[in-house]
Amino acid sequence: MSIIGQGKDRGGGTEKVLINWLPQYLPPNLGKEEGKKKVNLLEVGALKPDNYDSYSSWISNTPIDLRSRHPKIIEQDFLLLDPVENREKWDVISLSLVINFVPSPHDRGKMLRLARSFLKSPTGLMFLALPSACIQNSRYLDRTRLGTLLHATGFRIVVERCKAGGKIVYLLCQADAPYPLDRSELPSELTTKRTLREGNRNNFAILL
């Protein structure tokens, strides 16, 4: 279904949103212009090996997925990446329609924490895309709670997009907030499920 969703008849891949945002939020030493370094991008959950090939003149992309569908996609669990080897290694990490497929709410939170530690600070950027239902119709997560979770993991939201009636929420987050809080400092509403909405809702949650 994810592959079908990337078809041109369905609007194509979400990388178009990231590419549109990136130039204005990159540090001065990275980008398209002559003399600047390439952007070091980690694409998590890559379904196609060539999503960023059109931008290879200024983006060096490393695509990974749990089950690679192409030799150019590295078969790798993001949650099992070496934390020392990857610490502050990446300029940009794309988590596009990835966290919603992680079964455990705590692993979803771990994914955010790892992304923060893998990004260069304070300029690193995380592209986060989620089905809008995960935020707009969840029993345990709304836009305010998501912002609190991101801040607690060391991110600041710099731009976001969700069209009225749209199916996907897009956020670009910068790793320039204070470094992630220790578990002992986290408020309980970020570590245990708290009902935010009653009624016929889904159970999507992110916990730290």
C-alpha atoms as a PDB file:
ATOM      1  CA  MET A   1       0.000   0.000   0.000  1.00  0.00           C
ATOM      2  CA  SER A   2       2.895   2.365   0.728  1.00  0.00           C
ATOM      3  CA  ILE A   3       4.340   1.684  -2.731  1.00  0.00           C
ATOM      4  CA  ILE A   4       0.954   2.300  -4.359  1.00  0.00           C
ATOM      5  CA  GLY A   5       0.743   5.561  -2.422  1.00  0.00           C
ATOM      6  CA  GLN A   6       3.986   6.741  -3.984  1.00  0.00           C
ATOM      7  CA  GLY A   7       2.574   6.375  -7.487  1.00  0.00           C
ATOM      8  CA  LYS A   8       2.230   9.513  -9.578  1.00  0.00           C
ATOM      9  CA  ASP A   9      -1.532   8.974  -9.748  1.00  0.00           C
ATOM     10  CA  ARG A  10      -1.603   9.287  -5.926  1.00  0.00           C
ATOM     11  CA  GLY A  11       0.542  12.420  -5.788  1.00  0.00           C
ATOM     12  CA  GLY A  12       3.975  10.809  -5.695  1.00  0.00           C
ATOM     13  CA  GLY A  13       6.389  10.456  -2.782  1.00  0.00           C
ATOM     14  CA  THR A  14       6.622  12.789   0.201  1.00  0.00           C
ATOM     15  CA  GLU A  15      10.220  13.726  -0.696  1.00  0.00           C
ATOM     16  CA  LYS A  16       8.819  16.592  -2.787  1.00  0.00           C
ATOM     17  CA  VAL A  17       7.705  18.336   0.394  1.00  0.00           C
ATOM     18  CA  LEU A  18      11.124  17.935   2.022  1.00  0.00           C
ATOM     19  CA  ILE A  19      12.969  19.155  -1.078  1.00  0.00           C
ATOM     20  CA  ASN A  20      10.750  22.232  -1.214  1.00  0.00           C
ATOM     21  CA  TRP A  21      11.533  23.090   2.420  1.00  0.00           C
ATOM     22  CA  LEU A  22      15.196  22.161   2.687  1.00  0.00           C
ATOM     23  CA  PRO A  23      17.041  25.074   0.998  1.00  0.00           C
ATOM     24  CA  GLN A  24      15.736  27.741   3.362  1.00  0.00           C
ATOM     25  CA  TYR A  25      16.550  25.778   6.535  1.00  0.00           C
ATOM     26  CA  LEU A  26      19.986  24.363   5.747  1.00  0.00           C
ATOM     27  CA  PRO A  27      23.105  25.840   7.393  1.00  0.00           C
ATOM     28  CA  PRO A  28      25.157  28.203   5.178  1.00  0.00           C
ATOM     29  CA  ASN A  29      27.789  25.571   4.305  1.00  0.00           C
ATOM     30  CA  LEU A  30      25.286  23.111   2.774  1.00  0.00           C
ATOM     31  CA  GLY A  31      23.120  23.298  -0.313  1.00  0.00           C
ATOM     32  CA  LYS A  32      22.854  23.712  -4.056  1.00  0.00           C
ATOM     33  CA  GLU A  33      25.205  26.625  -4.604  1.00  0.00           C
ATOM     34  CA  GLU A  34      28.722  26.138  -5.912  1.00  0.00           C
ATOM     35  CA  GLY A  35      31.308  25.614  -3.193  1.00  0.00           C
ATOM     36  CA  LYS A  36      28.821  24.258  -0.663  1.00  0.00           C
ATOM     37  CA  LYS A  37      28.925  20.728   0.733  1.00  0.00           C
ATOM     38  CA  LYS A  38      26.367  18.077  -0.067  1.00  0.00           C
ATOM     39  CA  VAL A  39      23.585  17.373   2.395  1.00  0.00           C
ATOM     40  CA  ASN A  40      24.144  14.046   4.179  1.00  0.00           C
ATOM     41  CA  LEU A  41      20.645  12.509   4.255  1.00  0.00           C
ATOM     42  CA  LEU A  42      19.446   9.300   5.922  1.00  0.00           C
ATOM     43  CA  GLU A  43      16.172   8.130   4.385  1.00  0.00           C
ATOM     44  CA  VAL A  44      14.466   5.705   6.760  1.00  0.00           C
ATOM     45  CA  GLY A  45      11.866   3.328   5.356  1.00  0.00           C
ATOM     46  CA  ALA A  46      12.915   3.822   1.742  1.00  0.00           C
ATOM     47  CA  LEU A  47      10.647   1.998  -0.698  1.00  0.00           C
ATOM     48  CA  LYS A  48      12.473   3.158  -3.820  1.00  0.00           C
ATOM     49  CA  PRO A  49      16.239   3.625  -4.282  1.00  0.00           C
ATOM     50  CA  ASP A  50      15.957   6.723  -6.452  1.00  0.00           C
ATOM     51  CA  ASN A  51      13.708   9.114  -4.515  1.00  0.00           C
ATOM     52  CA  TYR A  52      16.506  11.680  -4.310  1.00  0.00           C
ATOM     53  CA  ASP A  53      18.470  10.852  -7.467  1.00  0.00           C
ATOM     54  CA  SER A  54      17.251  14.032  -9.170  1.00  0.00           C
ATOM     55  CA  TYR A  55      18.939  16.031  -6.408  1.00  0.00           C
ATOM     56  CA  SER A  56      22.189  14.074  -6.250  1.00  0.00           C
ATOM     57  CA  SER A  57      24.210  17.174  -7.177  1.00  0.00           C
ATOM     58  CA  TRP A  58      23.593  18.537  -3.672  1.00  0.00           C
ATOM     59  CA  ILE A  59      22.169  15.623  -1.643  1.00  0.00           C
ATOM     60  CA  SER A  60      24.007  12.430  -0.712  1.00  0.00           C
ATOM     61  CA  ASN A  61      21.238  10.018   0.261  1.00  0.00           C
ATOM     62  CA  THR A  62      21.543   6.780   2.237  1.00  0.00           C
ATOM     63  CA  PRO A  63      18.267   4.811   1.944  1.00  0.00           C
ATOM     64  CA  ILE A  64      17.511   2.088   4.519  1.00  0.00           C
ATOM     65  CA  ASP A  65      14.534  -0.169   5.176  1.00  0.00           C
ATOM     66  CA  LEU A  66      13.636  -3.132   7.379  1.00  0.00           C
ATOM     67  CA  ARG A  67      13.218  -5.279   4.266  1.00  0.00           C
ATOM     68  CA  SER A  68      15.088  -3.959   1.274  1.00  0.00           C
ATOM     69  CA  ARG A  69      13.315  -4.149  -2.059  1.00  0.00           C
ATOM     70  CA  HIS A  70      16.364  -3.091  -4.055  1.00  0.00           C
ATOM     71  CA  PRO A  71      20.155  -3.703  -3.875  1.00  0.00           C
ATOM     72  CA  LYS A  72      20.742   0.032  -3.403  1.00  0.00           C
ATOM     73  CA  ILE A  73      18.523   0.115  -0.301  1.00  0.00           C
ATOM     74  CA  ILE A  74      20.394  -1.025   2.801  1.00  0.00           C
ATOM     75  CA  GLU A  75      18.454  -3.582   4.842  1.00  0.00           C
ATOM     76  CA  GLN A  76      18.719  -2.082   8.314  1.00  0.00           C
ATOM     77  CA  ASP A  77      16.540  -1.528  11.372  1.00  0.00           C
ATOM     78  CA  PHE A  78      16.888   2.135  12.317  1.00  0.00           C
ATOM     79  CA  LEU A  79      16.412   1.251  15.991  1.00  0.00           C
ATOM     80  CA  LEU A  80      19.477  -1.016  15.820  1.00  0.00           C
ATOM     81  CA  LEU A  81      21.867   1.465  14.214  1.00  0.00           C
ATOM     82  CA  ASP A  82      25.091   1.901  16.195  1.00  0.00           C
ATOM     83  CA  PRO A  83      24.488   4.929  18.451  1.00  0.00           C
ATOM     84  CA  VAL A  84      28.204   5.756  18.697  1.00  0.00           C
ATOM     85  CA  GLU A  85      28.968   5.422  14.997  1.00  0.00           C
ATOM     86  CA  ASN A  86      25.944   7.530  14.024  1.00  0.00           C
ATOM     87  CA  ARG A  87      26.089  10.191  16.716  1.00  0.00           C
ATOM     88  CA  GLU A  88      25.782  13.635  15.066  1.00  0.00           C
ATOM     89  CA  LYS A  89      26.583  12.041  11.689  1.00  0.00           C
ATOM     90  CA  TRP A  90      23.631  13.205   9.594  1.00  0.00           C
ATOM     91  CA  ASP A  91      22.496  16.601   8.327  1.00  0.00           C
ATOM     92  CA  VAL A  92      18.943  15.409   7.628  1.00  0.00           C
ATOM     93  CA  ILE A  93      16.939  12.334   8.656  1.00  0.00           C
ATOM     94  CA  SER A  94      13.693  11.521   6.857  1.00  0.00           C
ATOM     95  CA  LEU A  95      11.072   9.649   8.901  1.00  0.00           C
ATOM     96  CA  SER A  96       8.319   9.803   6.316  1.00  0.00           C
ATOM     97  CA  LEU A  97       5.380   7.514   7.121  1.00  0.00           C
ATOM     98  CA  VAL A  98       7.688   5.401   9.261  1.00  0.00           C
ATOM     99  CA  ILE A  99       6.846   5.960  12.922  1.00  0.00           C
ATOM    100  CA  ASN A 100       3.205   5.002  12.363  1.00  0.00           C
ATOM    101  CA  PHE A 101       4.359   1.505  11.301  1.00  0.00           C
ATOM    102  CA  VAL A 102       6.447   0.939  14.459  1.00  0.00           C
ATOM    103  CA  PRO A 103       4.359  -1.398  16.676  1.00  0.00           C
ATOM    104  CA  SER A 104       5.431  -0.152  20.110  1.00  0.00           C
ATOM    105  CA  PRO A 105       4.640   3.380  21.380  1.00  0.00           C
ATOM    106  CA  HIS A 106       7.922   3.359  23.317  1.00  0.00           C
ATOM    107  CA  ASP A 107       9.888   2.353  20.211  1.00  0.00           C
ATOM    108  CA  ARG A 108       8.276   5.281  18.399  1.00  0.00           C
ATOM    109  CA  GLY A 109       9.626   7.536  21.129  1.00  0.00           C
ATOM    110  CA  LYS A 110      13.005   5.820  20.918  1.00  0.00           C
ATOM    111  CA  MET A 111      13.049   6.541  17.195  1.00  0.00           C
ATOM    112  CA  LEU A 112      12.660  10.268  17.908  1.00  0.00           C
ATOM    113  CA  ARG A 113      15.416  10.178  20.528  1.00  0.00           C
ATOM    114  CA  LEU A 114      17.797   8.338  18.204  1.00  0.00           C
ATOM    115  CA  ALA A 115      17.062  10.741  15.366  1.00  0.00           C
ATOM    116  CA  ARG A 116      17.980  13.632  17.655  1.00  0.00           C
ATOM    117  CA  SER A 117      21.281  12.056  18.687  1.00  0.00           C
ATOM    118  CA  PHE A 118      22.134  11.078  15.091  1.00  0.00           C
ATOM    119  CA  LEU A 119      21.634  14.631  13.781  1.00  0.00           C
ATOM    120  CA  LYS A 120      24.304  17.293  13.778  1.00  0.00           C
ATOM    121  CA  SER A 121      23.475  19.825  16.455  1.00  0.00           C
ATOM    122  CA  PRO A 122      22.177  22.522  16.274  1.00  0.00           C
ATOM    123  CA  THR A 123      21.599  22.535  12.499  1.00  0.00           C
ATOM    124  CA  GLY A 124      20.308  18.982  11.902  1.00  0.00           C
ATOM    125  CA  LEU A 125      16.817  18.562  10.460  1.00  0.00           C
ATOM    126  CA  MET A 126      14.264  15.774  10.861  1.00  0.00           C
ATOM    127  CA  PHE A 127      11.499  15.418   8.278  1.00  0.00           C
ATOM    128  CA  LEU A 128       8.508  13.791   9.942  1.00  0.00           C
ATOM    129  CA  ALA A 129       5.398  12.709   8.050  1.00  0.00           C
ATOM    130  CA  LEU A 130       2.458  10.988   9.742  1.00  0.00           C
ATOM    131  CA  PRO A 131      -1.064  10.075   8.655  1.00  0.00           C
ATOM    132  CA  SER A 132      -3.246  12.937   9.857  1.00  0.00           C
ATOM    133  CA  ALA A 133      -5.451  10.457  11.733  1.00  0.00           C
ATOM    134  CA  CYS A 134      -2.507   9.708  14.062  1.00  0.00           C
ATOM    135  CA  ILE A 135      -2.752  13.281  15.347  1.00  0.00           C
ATOM    136  CA  GLN A 136      -6.274  14.422  14.592  1.00  0.00           C
ATOM    137  CA  ASN A 137      -8.218  11.341  15.647  1.00  0.00           C
ATOM    138  CA  SER A 138      -6.050   9.594  18.236  1.00  0.00           C
ATOM    139  CA  ARG A 139      -7.204   8.872  21.744  1.00  0.00           C
ATOM    140  CA  TYR A 140      -3.702   9.530  23.111  1.00  0.00           C
ATOM    141  CA  LEU A 141      -2.046  12.056  20.785  1.00  0.00           C
ATOM    142  CA  ASP A 142      -2.963  15.514  19.520  1.00  0.00           C
ATOM    143  CA  ARG A 143      -0.989  18.372  17.995  1.00  0.00           C
ATOM    144  CA  THR A 144      -0.138  19.901  21.391  1.00  0.00           C
ATOM    145  CA  ARG A 145       1.082  16.584  22.819  1.00  0.00           C
ATOM    146  CA  LEU A 146       3.156  15.916  19.684  1.00  0.00           C
ATOM    147  CA  GLY A 147       4.833  19.305  20.071  1.00  0.00           C
ATOM    148  CA  THR A 148       5.618  18.534  23.706  1.00  0.00           C
ATOM    149  CA  LEU A 149       7.086  15.151  22.762  1.00  0.00           C
ATOM    150  CA  LEU A 150       9.281  16.689  20.087  1.00  0.00           C
ATOM    151  CA  HIS A 151      10.519  19.404  22.444  1.00  0.00           C
ATOM    152  CA  ALA A 152      11.306  16.801  25.116  1.00  0.00           C
ATOM    153  CA  THR A 153      13.408  14.875  22.596  1.00  0.00           C
ATOM    154  CA  GLY A 154      15.322  18.010  21.620  1.00  0.00           C
ATOM    155  CA  PHE A 155      13.474  19.275  18.544  1.00  0.00           C
ATOM    156  CA  ARG A 156      11.939  22.563  17.514  1.00  0.00           C
ATOM    157  CA  ILE A 157       9.274  22.530  14.796  1.00  0.00           C
ATOM    158  CA  VAL A 158      10.290  25.037  12.118  1.00  0.00           C
ATOM    159  CA  VAL A 159       7.569  24.408   9.526  1.00  0.00           C
ATOM    160  CA  GLU A 160       4.558  22.171   9.155  1.00  0.00           C
ATOM    161  CA  ARG A 161       1.828  21.482   6.652  1.00  0.00           C
ATOM    162  CA  CYS A 162      -1.531  19.773   6.778  1.00  0.00           C
ATOM    163  CA  LYS A 163      -4.102  20.685   4.170  1.00  0.00           C
ATOM    164  CA  ALA A 164      -7.745  20.824   5.216  1.00  0.00           C
ATOM    165  CA  GLY A 165      -9.025  17.307   4.769  1.00  0.00           C
ATOM    166  CA  GLY A 166      -5.510  16.106   3.945  1.00  0.00           C
ATOM    167  CA  LYS A 167      -4.377  12.609   4.824  1.00  0.00           C
ATOM    168  CA  ILE A 168      -0.797  13.428   5.851  1.00  0.00           C
ATOM    169  CA  VAL A 169       0.788  15.853   8.319  1.00  0.00           C
ATOM    170  CA  TYR A 170       4.299  17.048   7.408  1.00  0.00           C
ATOM    171  CA  LEU A 171       6.740  18.592   9.876  1.00  0.00           C
ATOM    172  CA  LEU A 172      10.321  19.780   9.590  1.00  0.00           C
ATOM    173  CA  CYS A 173      12.037  19.811  12.975  1.00  0.00           C
ATOM    174  CA  GLN A 174      15.413  21.263  13.899  1.00  0.00           C
ATOM    175  CA  ALA A 175      17.721  19.721  16.478  1.00  0.00           C
ATOM    176  CA  ASP A 176      18.442  22.997  18.229  1.00  0.00           C
ATOM    177  CA  ALA A 177      16.211  22.641  21.283  1.00  0.00           C
ATOM    178  CA  PRO A 178      17.815  21.643  24.600  1.00  0.00           C
ATOM    179  CA  TYR A 179      19.209  18.136  24.488  1.00  0.00           C
ATOM    180  CA  PRO A 180      16.662  15.405  25.343  1.00  0.00           C
ATOM    181  CA  LEU A 181      15.621  15.201  28.965  1.00  0.00           C
ATOM    182  CA  ASP A 182      16.666  12.280  31.131  1.00  0.00           C
ATOM    183  CA  ARG A 183      13.915   9.800  31.822  1.00  0.00           C
ATOM    184  CA  SER A 184      13.756  10.903  35.448  1.00  0.00           C
ATOM    185  CA  GLU A 185      12.930  14.437  34.273  1.00  0.00           C
ATOM    186  CA  LEU A 186      10.153  13.483  31.864  1.00  0.00           C
ATOM    187  CA  PRO A 187       6.582  14.350  32.890  1.00  0.00           C
ATOM    188  CA  SER A 188       4.372  11.294  33.334  1.00  0.00           C
ATOM    189  CA  GLU A 189       2.064  12.270  30.460  1.00  0.00           C
ATOM    190  CA  LEU A 190       4.970  11.612  28.070  1.00  0.00           C
ATOM    191  CA  THR A 191       5.833   8.187  29.497  1.00  0.00           C
ATOM    192  CA  THR A 192       2.367   6.655  29.994  1.00  0.00           C
ATOM    193  CA  LYS A 193      -0.792   6.755  27.899  1.00  0.00           C
ATOM    194  CA  ARG A 194      -3.188   9.532  28.891  1.00  0.00           C
ATOM    195  CA  THR A 195      -6.599   9.810  27.244  1.00  0.00           C
ATOM    196  CA  LEU A 196      -6.940  13.158  25.475  1.00  0.00           C
ATOM    197  CA  ARG A 197     -10.131  12.472  23.525  1.00  0.00           C
ATOM    198  CA  GLU A 198     -13.107  10.233  24.211  1.00  0.00           C
ATOM    199  CA  GLY A 199     -15.282   8.491  21.665  1.00  0.00           C
ATOM    200  CA  ASN A 200     -14.540   6.481  18.549  1.00  0.00           C
ATOM    201  CA  ARG A 201     -10.784   7.083  18.216  1.00  0.00           C
ATOM    202  CA  ASN A 202      -7.678   5.185  17.166  1.00  0.00           C
ATOM    203  CA  ASN A 203      -5.036   4.153  19.717  1.00  0.00           C
ATOM    204  CA  PHE A 204      -1.929   5.662  18.141  1.00  0.00           C
ATOM    205  CA  ALA A 205       0.503   6.921  20.782  1.00  0.00           C
ATOM    206  CA  ILE A 206       4.145   7.930  21.148  1.00  0.00           C
ATOM    207  CA  LEU A 207       5.780   7.404  24.544  1.00  0.00           C
ATOM    208  CA  LEU A 208       9.245   8.251  25.872  1.00  0.00           C
END
